[in-house]
Amino acid sequence: MEFEIIDENIETGKGESLVNDYCKTLIKNSEKYTETQKETIEKFCKLLKNEWGDFLKHND
């Protein structure tokens, strides 16, 4: 829902770069975190990207 607030055209697939940019920012900001925390963020980003892909498939 937060992505939809940022970009009202999110359902068109144009929000893909938004998801990727969000994940890049999370990963970049985790440089000082423990390895376990970094792994958790990377897993979250992978899950988010997969869920985003599923969302787009079901809203075509």
C-alpha atoms as a PDB file:
ATOM      1  CA  MET A   1       0.000   0.000   0.000  1.00  0.00           C
ATOM      2  CA  GLU A   2       2.853   2.388   0.686  1.00  0.00           C
ATOM      3  CA  PHE A   3       4.048   2.009  -2.896  1.00  0.00           C
ATOM      4  CA  GLU A   4       0.567   2.798  -4.155  1.00  0.00           C
ATOM      5  CA  ILE A   5       0.576   6.008  -2.105  1.00  0.00           C
ATOM      6  CA  ILE A   6       3.895   6.987  -3.677  1.00  0.00           C
ATOM      7  CA  ASP A   7       2.893   6.057  -7.221  1.00  0.00           C
ATOM      8  CA  GLU A   8      -0.785   5.855  -8.099  1.00  0.00           C
ATOM      9  CA  ASN A   9       0.115   4.074 -11.370  1.00  0.00           C
ATOM     10  CA  ILE A  10       1.760   1.225  -9.467  1.00  0.00           C
ATOM     11  CA  GLU A  11      -0.627  -1.379 -10.898  1.00  0.00           C
ATOM     12  CA  THR A  12       0.566  -0.696 -14.443  1.00  0.00           C
ATOM     13  CA  GLY A  13       3.936  -2.305 -13.755  1.00  0.00           C
ATOM     14  CA  LYS A  14       5.754   1.003 -13.854  1.00  0.00           C
ATOM     15  CA  GLY A  15       6.402   0.609 -10.147  1.00  0.00           C
ATOM     16  CA  GLU A  16       8.953  -2.141 -10.723  1.00  0.00           C
ATOM     17  CA  SER A  17      11.776   0.353 -10.595  1.00  0.00           C
ATOM     18  CA  LEU A  18      10.282   1.674  -7.362  1.00  0.00           C
ATOM     19  CA  VAL A  19      10.511  -1.792  -5.787  1.00  0.00           C
ATOM     20  CA  ASN A  20      14.054  -2.273  -7.066  1.00  0.00           C
ATOM     21  CA  ASP A  21      15.130   1.175  -5.858  1.00  0.00           C
ATOM     22  CA  TYR A  22      13.563   0.501  -2.461  1.00  0.00           C
ATOM     23  CA  CYS A  23      15.492  -2.764  -2.129  1.00  0.00           C
ATOM     24  CA  LYS A  24      18.740  -1.153  -3.267  1.00  0.00           C
ATOM     25  CA  THR A  25      18.287   1.536  -0.610  1.00  0.00           C
ATOM     26  CA  LEU A  26      17.585  -1.042   2.088  1.00  0.00           C
ATOM     27  CA  ILE A  27      20.659  -3.045   1.158  1.00  0.00           C
ATOM     28  CA  LYS A  28      22.853   0.042   0.884  1.00  0.00           C
ATOM     29  CA  ASN A  29      21.715   1.282   4.292  1.00  0.00           C
ATOM     30  CA  SER A  30      22.486  -2.094   5.859  1.00  0.00           C
ATOM     31  CA  GLU A  31      26.250  -1.871   5.303  1.00  0.00           C
ATOM     32  CA  LYS A  32      26.954  -1.526   9.029  1.00  0.00           C
ATOM     33  CA  TYR A  33      24.517  -4.249  10.082  1.00  0.00           C
ATOM     34  CA  THR A  34      25.453  -7.746  11.184  1.00  0.00           C
ATOM     35  CA  GLU A  35      25.622 -10.491   8.568  1.00  0.00           C
ATOM     36  CA  THR A  36      22.400 -11.984   9.934  1.00  0.00           C
ATOM     37  CA  GLN A  37      20.600  -8.670   9.574  1.00  0.00           C
ATOM     38  CA  LYS A  38      21.923  -8.255   6.035  1.00  0.00           C
ATOM     39  CA  GLU A  39      20.709 -11.744   5.127  1.00  0.00           C
ATOM     40  CA  THR A  40      17.269 -10.924   6.519  1.00  0.00           C
ATOM     41  CA  ILE A  41      17.068  -7.751   4.436  1.00  0.00           C
ATOM     42  CA  GLU A  42      18.167  -9.614   1.306  1.00  0.00           C
ATOM     43  CA  LYS A  43      15.537 -12.319   1.936  1.00  0.00           C
ATOM     44  CA  PHE A  44      12.916  -9.618   2.446  1.00  0.00           C
ATOM     45  CA  CYS A  45      13.873  -7.952  -0.828  1.00  0.00           C
ATOM     46  CA  LYS A  46      13.714 -11.239  -2.693  1.00  0.00           C
ATOM     47  CA  LEU A  47      10.287 -11.950  -1.201  1.00  0.00           C
ATOM     48  CA  LEU A  48       9.096  -8.428  -2.002  1.00  0.00           C
ATOM     49  CA  LYS A  49      10.201  -8.736  -5.634  1.00  0.00           C
ATOM     50  CA  ASN A  50       8.494 -12.128  -5.957  1.00  0.00           C
ATOM     51  CA  GLU A  51       5.288 -10.818  -4.397  1.00  0.00           C
ATOM     52  CA  TRP A  52       5.424  -7.784  -6.669  1.00  0.00           C
ATOM     53  CA  GLY A  53       5.710 -10.058  -9.693  1.00  0.00           C
ATOM     54  CA  ASP A  54       2.742 -12.127  -8.501  1.00  0.00           C
ATOM     55  CA  PHE A  55       0.737  -8.961  -7.881  1.00  0.00           C
ATOM     56  CA  LEU A  56       1.359  -7.780 -11.428  1.00  0.00           C
ATOM     57  CA  LYS A  57       0.416 -11.170 -12.896  1.00  0.00           C
ATOM     58  CA  HIS A  58      -2.936 -11.131 -11.122  1.00  0.00           C
ATOM     59  CA  ASN A  59      -3.763  -7.543 -12.019  1.00  0.00           C
ATOM     60  CA  ASP A  60      -3.283  -7.729 -15.800  1.00  0.00           C
END
